[in-house]
Amino acid sequence: ENYSIIWDCSVHFDTAAMFDGGSYFRTKLDHNLRFGVIPKDASSKEETIWIDTGGPGAIVHPLNSWEEEDGTIVIWTPFCEDLDLTMNTEEINTFLMTEYRL
């Protein structure tokens, strides 16, 4: 109701893939998943509050989010710790339904 939420996940575009094959998107395990909480009345990017989850990961298409009476923001989303976007692998990415409380 009072915020917009953005996420900065551990999957990044990697230009080196143009030369060594594989997916252009790679998980950077040294980059933690984090959420940016932006007040809807914000007038500058400095008002964004970044919340680090403490570990790497990727989320895809959050399913629901809301604010609780105490101001806690709850997000329900599929989460994958190490997303592999190469199409020539038999490995299947595992997504777990995860609840984040900010």
Protein backbone atom coordinates (compact mmCIF):
# COMPACT_ATOMS: atom_id res chain seq x y z
CA GLU A 1 0.00 0.00 0.00
CA ASN A 2 2.76 2.44 0.95
CA TYR A 3 5.77 1.05 -0.95
CA SER A 4 7.05 -0.24 -4.24
CA ILE A 5 9.40 -3.20 -4.00
CA ILE A 6 12.22 -3.95 -6.43
CA TRP A 7 14.74 -6.76 -6.27
CA ASP A 8 18.40 -7.00 -7.14
CA CYS A 9 19.17 -10.68 -7.58
CA SER A 10 22.41 -12.59 -8.05
CA VAL A 11 21.81 -13.30 -11.75
CA HIS A 12 23.63 -10.82 -13.96
CA PHE A 13 24.30 -10.34 -17.66
CA ASP A 14 27.80 -11.62 -18.45
CA THR A 15 29.37 -10.41 -21.70
CA ALA A 16 32.14 -13.01 -21.41
CA ALA A 17 29.55 -15.61 -22.40
CA MET A 18 29.71 -14.30 -25.95
CA PHE A 19 33.18 -15.84 -26.13
CA ASP A 20 33.09 -18.89 -23.85
CA GLY A 21 29.58 -20.20 -24.54
CA GLY A 22 26.78 -20.85 -22.15
CA SER A 23 24.11 -18.47 -21.00
CA TYR A 24 24.48 -14.72 -21.11
CA PHE A 25 23.01 -14.70 -17.61
CA ARG A 26 25.05 -16.13 -14.77
CA THR A 27 24.61 -16.38 -11.04
CA LYS A 28 27.21 -14.41 -9.12
CA LEU A 29 27.45 -16.21 -5.80
CA ASP A 30 29.29 -13.25 -4.25
CA HIS A 31 26.28 -10.94 -4.88
CA ASN A 32 23.51 -11.29 -2.32
CA LEU A 33 19.85 -11.08 -3.22
CA ARG A 34 18.44 -7.83 -1.87
CA PHE A 35 15.18 -5.93 -1.90
CA GLY A 36 14.75 -2.21 -2.46
CA VAL A 37 11.85 -0.70 -0.55
CA ILE A 38 10.75 2.60 -2.09
CA PRO A 39 8.15 4.78 -0.36
CA LYS A 40 5.42 5.62 -2.88
CA ASP A 41 5.90 9.31 -2.13
CA ALA A 42 9.68 9.17 -2.66
CA SER A 43 11.14 11.95 -4.78
CA SER A 44 14.73 10.64 -5.09
CA LYS A 45 16.60 7.35 -5.32
CA GLU A 46 18.28 8.09 -1.99
CA GLU A 47 15.00 7.26 -0.27
CA THR A 48 15.28 3.61 -1.34
CA ILE A 49 15.95 1.32 1.62
CA TRP A 50 18.04 -1.71 0.60
CA ILE A 51 17.55 -4.91 2.59
CA ASP A 52 20.16 -7.63 2.08
CA THR A 53 18.93 -11.23 2.45
CA GLY A 54 22.36 -12.45 3.55
CA GLY A 55 22.89 -14.83 0.64
CA PRO A 56 22.80 -15.19 -3.13
CA GLY A 57 19.73 -16.16 -5.08
CA ALA A 58 17.18 -15.32 -7.70
CA ILE A 59 13.46 -14.76 -7.56
CA VAL A 60 11.14 -14.99 -10.51
CA HIS A 61 7.67 -13.47 -10.68
CA PRO A 62 6.69 -12.81 -7.04
CA LEU A 63 3.20 -14.16 -6.42
CA ASN A 64 1.91 -11.89 -3.67
CA SER A 65 2.95 -9.20 -1.23
CA TRP A 66 1.27 -7.07 1.40
CA GLU A 67 1.87 -4.88 4.42
CA GLU A 68 0.88 -6.12 7.84
CA GLU A 69 -0.57 -3.87 10.53
CA ASP A 70 2.84 -3.48 12.22
CA GLY A 71 4.37 -2.23 8.91
CA THR A 72 6.08 -5.51 8.01
CA ILE A 73 6.18 -6.13 4.26
CA VAL A 74 5.59 -9.77 3.35
CA ILE A 75 6.57 -11.17 -0.06
CA TRP A 76 5.75 -14.66 -1.38
CA THR A 77 7.91 -15.67 -4.32
CA PRO A 78 9.63 -18.63 -5.97
CA PHE A 79 13.34 -18.61 -5.01
CA CYS A 80 16.32 -20.36 -6.61
CA GLU A 81 19.72 -20.24 -4.93
CA ASP A 82 21.85 -20.88 -8.03
CA LEU A 83 19.88 -20.25 -11.22
CA ASP A 84 21.40 -21.94 -14.27
CA LEU A 85 20.07 -20.58 -17.55
CA THR A 86 22.15 -22.72 -19.90
CA MET A 87 19.81 -24.64 -22.14
CA ASN A 88 22.16 -27.53 -22.88
CA THR A 89 22.15 -29.05 -19.43
CA GLU A 90 20.06 -31.84 -17.97
CA GLU A 91 20.14 -30.16 -14.56
CA ILE A 92 16.83 -28.64 -13.55
CA ASN A 93 16.68 -25.47 -11.49
CA THR A 94 14.98 -25.95 -8.16
CA PHE A 95 12.63 -23.19 -7.04
CA LEU A 96 11.24 -23.17 -3.53
CA MET A 97 8.27 -21.08 -2.48
CA THR A 98 9.73 -18.60 -0.02
CA GLU A 99 8.31 -15.96 2.29
CA TYR A 100 10.37 -12.84 2.92
CA ARG A 101 9.46 -10.50 5.76
CA LEU A 102 10.95 -7.02 5.44
